[in-house]
Protein backbone atom coordinates (compact mmCIF):
# COMPACT_ATOMS: atom_id res chain seq x y z
CA MET A 1 68.83 -9.21 29.17
CA ARG A 2 72.51 -10.10 28.77
CA ALA A 3 71.76 -13.73 29.61
CA GLY A 4 69.11 -13.77 26.89
CA PHE A 5 71.48 -12.22 24.36
CA ARG A 6 74.16 -14.76 25.26
CA MET A 7 71.77 -17.68 24.69
CA ILE A 8 70.64 -16.30 21.33
CA LEU A 9 74.13 -15.53 20.05
CA GLU A 10 75.79 -18.73 21.24
CA ALA A 11 73.00 -20.77 19.66
CA ALA A 12 73.99 -19.29 16.29
CA GLY A 13 77.00 -21.61 16.25
CA ASP A 14 79.48 -19.24 14.61
CA ILE A 15 79.54 -16.58 17.36
CA THR A 16 81.54 -16.80 20.59
CA ILE A 17 80.80 -14.57 23.59
CA VAL A 18 84.15 -13.51 25.03
CA GLY A 19 82.89 -11.34 27.88
CA GLU A 20 80.10 -9.35 29.53
CA ALA A 21 79.95 -6.01 31.35
CA ALA A 22 77.32 -4.34 33.53
CA THR A 23 78.55 -0.74 33.28
CA GLY A 24 80.08 1.53 30.68
CA VAL A 25 83.41 1.59 32.50
CA GLU A 26 83.48 -2.20 32.67
CA GLY A 27 82.54 -2.37 28.99
CA VAL A 28 85.48 -0.23 27.89
CA ALA A 29 87.86 -2.19 30.11
CA ALA A 30 86.55 -5.52 28.83
CA ALA A 31 86.84 -4.43 25.20
CA SER A 32 90.40 -3.28 25.80
CA ALA A 33 91.36 -6.56 27.46
CA LEU A 34 89.45 -9.02 25.27
CA HIS A 35 89.65 -7.39 21.79
CA PRO A 36 86.26 -8.58 20.53
CA HIS A 37 85.24 -8.24 16.90
CA VAL A 38 81.83 -6.82 17.89
CA VAL A 39 80.49 -5.10 21.01
CA CYS A 40 76.73 -5.03 21.69
CA MET A 41 76.31 -1.81 23.68
CA ASP A 42 73.39 -0.57 25.75
CA VAL A 43 72.75 3.18 26.09
CA GLN A 44 71.66 3.65 29.68
CA MET A 45 74.18 2.07 32.07
CA PRO A 46 75.74 2.96 35.43
CA ASP A 47 79.07 4.83 35.77
CA MET A 48 79.32 5.72 32.05
CA ASP A 49 76.57 5.64 29.45
CA GLY A 50 76.89 3.53 26.33
CA LEU A 51 77.42 6.50 24.04
CA GLU A 52 80.58 7.61 25.85
CA ALA A 53 81.72 4.00 26.12
CA THR A 54 81.23 3.65 22.37
CA ARG A 55 83.31 6.77 21.71
CA ARG A 56 86.17 5.41 23.80
CA ILE A 57 86.10 1.97 22.23
CA VAL A 58 85.96 3.32 18.66
CA ALA A 59 88.70 5.86 19.38
CA ASP A 60 91.12 3.16 20.55
CA PRO A 61 92.79 1.58 17.47
CA ALA A 62 94.12 -1.23 19.66
CA ILE A 63 90.56 -2.47 20.26
CA ALA A 64 89.36 -2.30 16.63
CA ALA A 65 85.85 -3.49 17.47
CA ALA A 66 82.60 -2.66 15.70
CA VAL A 67 79.94 -1.41 18.11
CA VAL A 68 76.26 -2.22 17.71
CA VAL A 69 74.06 -0.13 20.01
CA VAL A 70 71.14 -2.20 21.29
CA THR A 71 68.60 -0.18 23.24
CA THR A 72 64.99 -0.18 24.41
CA PHE A 73 64.56 3.45 23.42
CA ASP A 74 63.63 4.24 19.83
CA ARG A 75 64.76 7.86 20.07
CA ASP A 76 66.34 9.89 17.31
CA ASP A 77 68.75 11.61 19.70
CA TYR A 78 70.11 8.22 20.81
CA LEU A 79 70.33 7.03 17.21
CA PHE A 80 72.25 10.05 15.93
CA SER A 81 74.44 10.29 19.03
CA ALA A 82 75.31 6.60 18.72
CA LEU A 83 76.32 6.96 15.06
CA SER A 84 78.26 10.14 15.80
CA ALA A 85 80.04 8.29 18.60
CA GLY A 86 81.18 5.72 16.05
CA ALA A 87 78.63 2.92 16.35
CA SER A 88 78.37 0.71 13.28
CA GLY A 89 74.66 0.12 13.80
CA PHE A 90 71.59 0.62 15.92
CA LEU A 91 69.17 -2.10 17.00
CA LEU A 92 66.16 -2.10 19.30
CA LYS A 93 65.95 -4.70 22.07
CA ASN A 94 62.57 -5.86 20.80
CA ALA A 95 64.21 -7.04 17.58
CA GLY A 96 63.85 -10.75 16.93
CA PRO A 97 66.64 -13.25 17.65
CA GLU A 98 67.43 -13.52 13.94
CA GLU A 99 67.91 -9.75 13.72
CA LEU A 100 70.35 -9.74 16.65
CA VAL A 101 72.41 -12.57 15.18
CA SER A 102 72.37 -10.92 11.75
CA ALA A 103 73.43 -7.57 13.23
CA VAL A 104 76.48 -9.14 14.90
CA ARG A 105 77.47 -10.99 11.73
CA VAL A 106 77.00 -7.92 9.56
CA ALA A 107 78.96 -5.67 11.93
CA ALA A 108 81.80 -8.20 12.06
CA ALA A 109 81.93 -8.19 8.26
CA GLY A 110 81.90 -4.39 8.10
CA ASP A 111 78.75 -4.50 6.02
CA ALA A 112 75.63 -2.29 6.08
CA LEU A 113 73.66 -2.60 9.29
CA LEU A 114 70.88 -0.04 9.64
CA ALA A 115 67.35 -1.09 8.84
CA PRO A 116 65.74 0.82 5.93
CA GLU A 117 63.52 2.89 8.22
CA VAL A 118 66.50 3.85 10.34
CA THR A 119 68.53 4.66 7.24
CA ARG A 120 65.81 7.08 6.13
CA ARG A 121 66.04 8.88 9.46
CA VAL A 122 69.82 9.10 9.19
CA ILE A 123 69.54 10.43 5.65
CA ALA A 124 67.02 13.09 6.65
CA ARG A 125 69.10 14.25 9.60
CA PHE A 126 72.69 14.11 8.40
CA ALA A 127 72.14 15.06 4.77
CA ASP A 128 70.75 18.37 6.03
CA GLY A 129 73.70 18.82 8.39
CA GLU A 130 71.42 19.03 11.41
CA SER A 131 73.59 16.96 13.72
CA SER A 132 76.26 18.58 15.85
CA GLY A 133 78.36 15.44 15.48
CA SER A 134 79.56 13.77 12.31
CA PRO A 135 79.75 10.02 11.74
CA VAL A 136 81.47 10.54 8.40
CA THR A 137 85.14 10.05 9.11
CA ASN A 138 87.51 8.57 11.64
CA GLY A 139 87.35 11.27 14.26
CA ARG A 140 87.48 14.24 11.93
CA ARG A 141 84.65 16.21 10.39
CA ASP A 142 84.25 16.55 6.65
CA ALA A 143 86.36 19.54 5.60
CA HIS A 144 83.61 21.18 3.55
CA ASN A 145 81.03 20.95 6.32
CA ALA A 146 83.47 21.94 9.05
CA THR A 147 84.25 25.20 7.24
CA GLY A 148 80.67 25.86 6.22
CA GLU A 149 81.42 25.56 2.51
CA GLN A 150 79.01 23.62 0.36
CA PRO A 151 80.50 21.18 -2.15
CA GLY A 152 78.99 21.06 -5.61
CA ARG A 153 76.27 18.49 -6.07
CA GLY A 154 77.38 15.25 -7.57
CA THR A 155 81.07 15.83 -6.92
CA LEU A 156 83.52 14.50 -4.37
CA PRO A 157 86.66 16.12 -2.96
CA VAL A 158 88.41 12.77 -3.52
CA GLU A 159 89.03 10.89 -6.75
CA LEU A 160 87.22 7.59 -7.25
CA THR A 161 87.38 5.32 -10.25
CA GLU A 162 84.22 4.97 -12.33
CA ARG A 163 83.51 1.58 -10.79
CA GLU A 164 84.14 2.84 -7.25
CA ASP A 165 81.72 5.69 -7.92
CA GLU A 166 79.08 3.18 -9.05
CA VAL A 167 79.64 1.04 -5.98
CA LEU A 168 79.40 4.02 -3.63
CA ARG A 169 76.09 5.10 -5.15
CA LEU A 170 74.70 1.60 -4.67
CA VAL A 171 76.03 1.40 -1.11
CA ALA A 172 74.19 4.67 -0.48
CA GLN A 173 71.00 2.96 -1.60
CA ALA A 174 71.54 0.41 1.23
CA LEU A 175 72.32 -2.46 -1.15
CA SER A 176 74.35 -5.37 0.21
CA ASN A 177 77.53 -6.62 -1.45
CA ALA A 178 75.58 -9.49 -2.99
CA GLU A 179 72.95 -7.13 -4.40
CA ILE A 180 75.62 -4.79 -5.78
CA ALA A 181 77.39 -7.75 -7.40
CA GLU A 182 74.16 -8.80 -9.07
CA ARG A 183 73.43 -5.25 -10.23
CA LEU A 184 76.89 -4.71 -11.73
CA TYR A 185 77.42 -8.28 -12.98
CA ILE A 186 80.65 -8.71 -11.03
CA GLY A 187 81.79 -11.05 -8.26
CA GLU A 188 80.91 -10.39 -4.63
CA ALA A 189 84.60 -10.52 -3.71
CA THR A 190 85.27 -7.79 -6.28
CA VAL A 191 82.52 -5.65 -4.75
CA LYS A 192 84.06 -6.11 -1.31
CA THR A 193 87.41 -4.90 -2.67
CA HIS A 194 85.78 -1.83 -4.24
CA VAL A 195 83.92 -1.02 -1.02
CA SER A 196 87.15 -1.30 0.97
CA ASN A 197 88.93 1.02 -1.46
CA VAL A 198 86.07 3.55 -1.31
CA LEU A 199 86.08 3.60 2.49
CA GLN A 200 89.83 4.10 2.53
CA LYS A 201 89.71 6.97 0.03
CA LEU A 202 86.85 8.69 1.83
CA GLY A 203 88.45 8.19 5.23
CA ALA A 204 85.09 6.66 6.18
CA ARG A 205 84.84 4.38 9.19
CA ASP A 206 82.20 2.09 7.71
CA ARG A 207 79.37 1.85 5.19
CA VAL A 208 77.07 4.03 7.28
CA ALA A 209 79.67 6.79 7.13
CA ALA A 210 80.04 6.29 3.37
CA VAL A 211 76.28 6.66 2.90
CA VAL A 212 76.23 9.97 4.75
CA TYR A 213 79.27 11.12 2.77
CA ALA A 214 77.57 10.32 -0.54
CA LEU A 215 74.43 12.14 0.53
CA ARG A 216 76.28 15.23 1.65
CA HIS A 217 78.03 15.45 -1.69
CA GLY A 218 74.92 14.94 -3.76
CA LEU A 219 75.72 11.54 -5.23
CA VAL A 220 72.25 10.23 -4.36
């Protein structure tokens, strides 16, 4: 499987494979030594499963890699555990070559990654607070949810500009930067700046986390 992934990704031309690992322990060690931009992580592996390996990679600021979980198993518990562990996306191994290449590129850019059907499952689960973990912030749970308090609908405990609020709502609808730029009649680079500012203000790790945040606070 790894050999197949290597062939697909290297054929893309703009992606370089810097290392491979057969176990979770080897994966964490390789990420720490090689500092890749993106890690494609399996779930079921010897020594340490991919979910724990993902947690360790994401928790290490020195690695600073986006993790895409690629698994054979289309199971909700794996999906939610992977996102709670800090994965930037979730892809099935039966996805086409183009999807794998796109997932790596998107993760490297910090853009949205989940397919629409997966996004719907995330929305249904996390918006209702059903998960024991939280993919919302960098290692800390949202203060309102952690204390059991319910924030008012349509409000945020942080202050966003009017434009940032618009961008967040569109991000929560799974629109890409290009689509948001077209919708708001602004440049794509400007959208990227707004998204970056929103993530920083929310303390959100990535766009997936921002989507969940917006849902929990009733913005969409």
